Every structure is written in structure tokens, then in C-alpha cells.
Amino acid sequence: MRMNEGVEWGLHCCVALGWIGQNEVISTTKLAAKFGLPAAYLNKSLQALARAGILVSSAGPKGGFRLARSPEKITLLQVVDAIEGPDAAFRCTEIRRNGEGASPARECRKPCAITAAMRRAEAAWRRELSSQTVASVMHDAPPAAAERAIQWFENIRSASAA
């Protein structure tokens, strides 16, 4: 399975917003500059996170995004689902019913073994992402990463005040 790069971008932005403080608002332009990303594309991911209630968006010259709730209450699965959508990664098209070797209808009353295996794997993946939060990622990151994010924000604040 391959996820959209917006998932990575969204998670990094959530972590950075967590480090600088839940009530601090940062513009898409500044977040994009921090990570060297295209602002227009990053904004799509941030808007998806806002629609999902993970971020709060505010308009205006001092507008931008902030966390909608504490990092402890935002799971990685919520971020993934907000950006990728909640649809299953594996989509069974019942090819076992097609072609010269088609299975008889009586064998197709239950999901096939492949579908069952893929669903179990995805359920495990989703459980794991549900058990991890933005706060747990913040905790596991090197302390220097948090320090850089805080210093970056302080530099932005200083430049805005000048």
C-alpha cells in the first residue's frame, strides 16, 4: 500500500504545531517554508485535517492553522483517514467468479481467503495507527527536533513583531 505524501506532510505539521503550542496559529505559507513544500498542495492536506476536526483554520492576515485538540487526542489513523479517506486499502473485485476457471456460486458465499487475509492485515495496521498519537510521535522524536521547531516559531514571532 502506498499513501499520499500529504499524510507525511500532515503528520509533520501536526507534530510541529504540537511542539509550538496548541493555541498558536501558523500560516500554510510558513509551514510550507519550514518543510520546503509547495504551499498550495500542503494547504489541501491541512484543509482536509481541518474538515476532520484535527486542525482549526482561521482566515485573515494573521490566519492559518492550529491543533483543534491536544496531541494526545489525535491518532495517526485519524490523520491518515482525514487525508486518504476511510476506504479500505484492498478492494476485492471477485475475480474468482470470472474467466475459464471461475469458482461456482456455492464457493463464493463467503469472502475468499485472499480478501479475508487482506482484511486481517489492514485491521492490524489500523489498530496500530489508532494506538499511536501525535503526542507519542512527539515523545519519540529526537529532542533537537522539538528544539528546532520551537526556535523556528520564535524566529517567526520575532519577525512578525518587528
Protein backbone atom coordinates (compact mmCIF):
# COMPACT_ATOMS: atom_id res chain seq x y z
CA MET A 1 0.00 0.00 0.00
CA ARG A 2 1.23 3.45 -0.83
CA MET A 3 -0.02 6.53 0.96
CA ASN A 4 -0.29 10.00 -0.45
CA GLU A 5 2.66 12.23 0.53
CA GLY A 6 0.07 14.54 2.10
CA VAL A 7 -0.11 12.07 5.01
CA GLU A 8 3.56 12.62 5.82
CA TRP A 9 3.16 16.36 5.40
CA GLY A 10 0.07 16.47 7.59
CA LEU A 11 1.70 14.43 10.34
CA HIS A 12 4.83 16.61 10.35
CA CYS A 13 2.68 19.75 10.53
CA CYS A 14 0.63 18.32 13.41
CA VAL A 15 3.81 17.45 15.31
CA ALA A 16 5.30 20.91 14.68
CA LEU A 17 2.05 22.57 15.79
CA GLY A 18 2.08 20.37 18.89
CA TRP A 19 5.59 21.46 19.79
CA ILE A 20 4.90 25.17 19.41
CA GLY A 21 1.66 25.05 21.39
CA GLN A 22 -1.91 24.09 20.73
CA ASN A 23 -3.18 27.67 20.58
CA GLU A 24 -0.55 29.03 18.18
CA VAL A 25 -1.71 29.74 14.62
CA ILE A 26 0.70 29.25 11.72
CA SER A 27 0.00 30.07 8.08
CA THR A 28 0.23 27.48 5.34
CA THR A 29 2.97 29.56 3.73
CA LYS A 30 5.12 29.42 6.85
CA LEU A 31 4.53 25.70 7.38
CA ALA A 32 5.34 25.05 3.73
CA ALA A 33 8.56 27.06 4.04
CA LYS A 34 9.55 25.15 7.20
CA PHE A 35 9.40 21.84 5.35
CA GLY A 36 10.29 23.04 1.83
CA LEU A 37 6.89 22.09 0.42
CA PRO A 38 4.57 23.66 -2.17
CA ALA A 39 2.12 25.78 -0.17
CA ALA A 40 -0.89 25.20 -2.45
CA TYR A 41 -0.59 21.43 -2.22
CA LEU A 42 0.14 21.46 1.53
CA ASN A 43 -2.95 23.60 2.03
CA LYS A 44 -5.11 20.79 0.58
CA SER A 45 -3.83 18.40 3.26
CA LEU A 46 -4.25 20.99 6.00
CA GLN A 47 -7.80 21.76 4.86
CA ALA A 48 -8.60 18.02 4.95
CA LEU A 49 -7.29 17.92 8.53
CA ALA A 50 -9.44 20.93 9.41
CA ARG A 51 -12.55 19.28 7.90
CA ALA A 52 -11.82 16.24 10.06
CA GLY A 53 -11.59 18.35 13.23
CA ILE A 54 -7.85 17.74 13.70
CA LEU A 55 -6.86 21.32 12.90
CA VAL A 56 -8.70 24.60 13.21
CA SER A 57 -8.42 27.01 10.31
CA SER A 58 -8.67 30.77 10.70
CA ALA A 59 -8.82 33.31 7.89
CA GLY A 60 -7.25 36.72 7.61
CA PRO A 61 -3.79 38.23 7.60
CA LYS A 62 -2.92 36.53 10.90
CA GLY A 63 -4.78 33.36 9.94
CA GLY A 64 -3.56 29.86 9.49
CA PHE A 65 -3.86 26.58 11.32
CA ARG A 66 -3.60 25.29 14.85
CA LEU A 67 -4.36 21.97 16.51
CA ALA A 68 -8.05 21.52 17.31
CA ARG A 69 -7.29 19.35 20.33
CA SER A 70 -4.30 18.18 22.31
CA PRO A 71 -1.71 15.98 20.58
CA GLU A 72 -2.65 13.15 22.97
CA LYS A 73 -6.12 13.09 21.43
CA ILE A 74 -5.08 12.93 17.77
CA THR A 75 -4.28 9.45 16.49
CA LEU A 76 -2.16 8.72 13.47
CA LEU A 77 -5.12 6.84 11.99
CA GLN A 78 -7.28 9.97 12.24
CA VAL A 79 -4.68 11.90 10.24
CA VAL A 80 -4.37 9.12 7.65
CA ASP A 81 -8.15 8.82 7.29
CA ALA A 82 -8.57 12.60 7.01
CA ILE A 83 -6.14 12.79 4.11
CA GLU A 84 -6.54 9.40 2.42
CA GLY A 85 -10.17 8.75 3.27
CA PRO A 86 -11.50 5.86 5.34
CA ASP A 87 -11.96 3.41 2.46
CA ALA A 88 -10.29 0.01 2.71
CA ALA A 89 -6.87 -0.24 1.09
CA PHE A 90 -7.69 -3.58 -0.54
CA ARG A 91 -10.66 -3.79 -2.84
CA CYS A 92 -11.81 -7.27 -3.78
CA THR A 93 -13.38 -7.38 -7.24
CA GLU A 94 -14.34 -11.06 -7.00
CA ILE A 95 -12.17 -12.16 -9.91
CA ARG A 96 -12.59 -15.73 -8.67
CA ARG A 97 -16.02 -15.62 -10.36
CA ASN A 98 -14.57 -14.69 -13.77
CA GLY A 99 -12.93 -16.44 -16.66
CA GLU A 100 -12.44 -20.05 -17.62
CA GLY A 101 -11.56 -21.12 -14.08
CA ALA A 102 -14.48 -19.34 -12.38
CA SER A 103 -15.49 -20.66 -8.96
CA PRO A 104 -19.05 -21.93 -8.65
CA ALA A 105 -21.52 -19.64 -6.84
CA ARG A 106 -21.71 -22.01 -3.82
CA GLU A 107 -17.99 -21.38 -3.16
CA CYS A 108 -18.45 -17.62 -3.29
CA ARG A 109 -20.94 -17.15 -0.46
CA LYS A 110 -18.18 -16.05 1.93
CA PRO A 111 -15.26 -13.73 1.21
CA CYS A 112 -12.35 -15.53 -0.41
CA ALA A 113 -9.27 -16.42 1.62
CA ILE A 114 -7.30 -13.62 -0.04
CA THR A 115 -9.85 -10.99 0.92
CA ALA A 116 -10.03 -12.34 4.47
CA ALA A 117 -6.22 -12.24 4.81
CA MET A 118 -6.02 -8.71 3.46
CA ARG A 119 -8.77 -7.51 5.78
CA ARG A 120 -6.99 -9.00 8.80
CA ALA A 121 -3.75 -7.31 7.78
CA GLU A 122 -5.45 -3.95 7.30
CA ALA A 123 -7.28 -4.28 10.63
CA ALA A 124 -3.91 -4.86 12.35
CA TRP A 125 -2.41 -1.85 10.56
CA ARG A 126 -5.38 0.33 11.54
CA ARG A 127 -5.20 -0.86 15.18
CA GLU A 128 -1.51 0.07 15.31
CA LEU A 129 -2.13 3.55 13.87
CA SER A 130 -5.04 4.01 16.31
CA SER A 131 -2.76 3.21 19.24
CA GLN A 132 -0.27 5.94 18.35
CA THR A 133 -0.90 9.64 18.73
CA VAL A 134 0.74 12.84 17.61
CA ALA A 135 1.96 13.12 21.22
CA SER A 136 3.63 9.69 21.08
CA VAL A 137 5.44 10.71 17.89
CA MET A 138 6.50 13.97 19.55
CA HIS A 139 7.81 11.96 22.50
CA ASP A 140 9.75 9.53 20.29
CA ALA A 141 11.37 12.23 18.14
CA PRO A 142 14.86 13.47 18.99
CA PRO A 143 14.79 16.40 21.45
CA ALA A 144 16.69 18.50 18.90
CA ALA A 145 13.72 18.25 16.51
CA ALA A 146 11.42 19.84 19.08
CA GLU A 147 14.02 22.50 19.87
CA ARG A 148 14.35 23.37 16.14
CA ALA A 149 10.57 23.67 15.76
CA ILE A 150 10.30 25.92 18.81
CA GLN A 151 13.22 28.08 17.64
CA TRP A 152 11.71 28.29 14.14
CA PHE A 153 8.44 29.50 15.65
CA GLU A 154 10.21 32.03 17.88
CA ASN A 155 12.00 33.40 14.81
CA ILE A 156 8.67 33.79 13.00
CA ARG A 157 7.14 35.51 16.01
CA SER A 158 10.10 37.89 16.29
CA ALA A 159 9.98 38.74 12.58
CA SER A 160 6.23 39.44 12.79
CA ALA A 161 6.67 41.73 15.79
CA ALA A 162 9.40 43.76 14.08
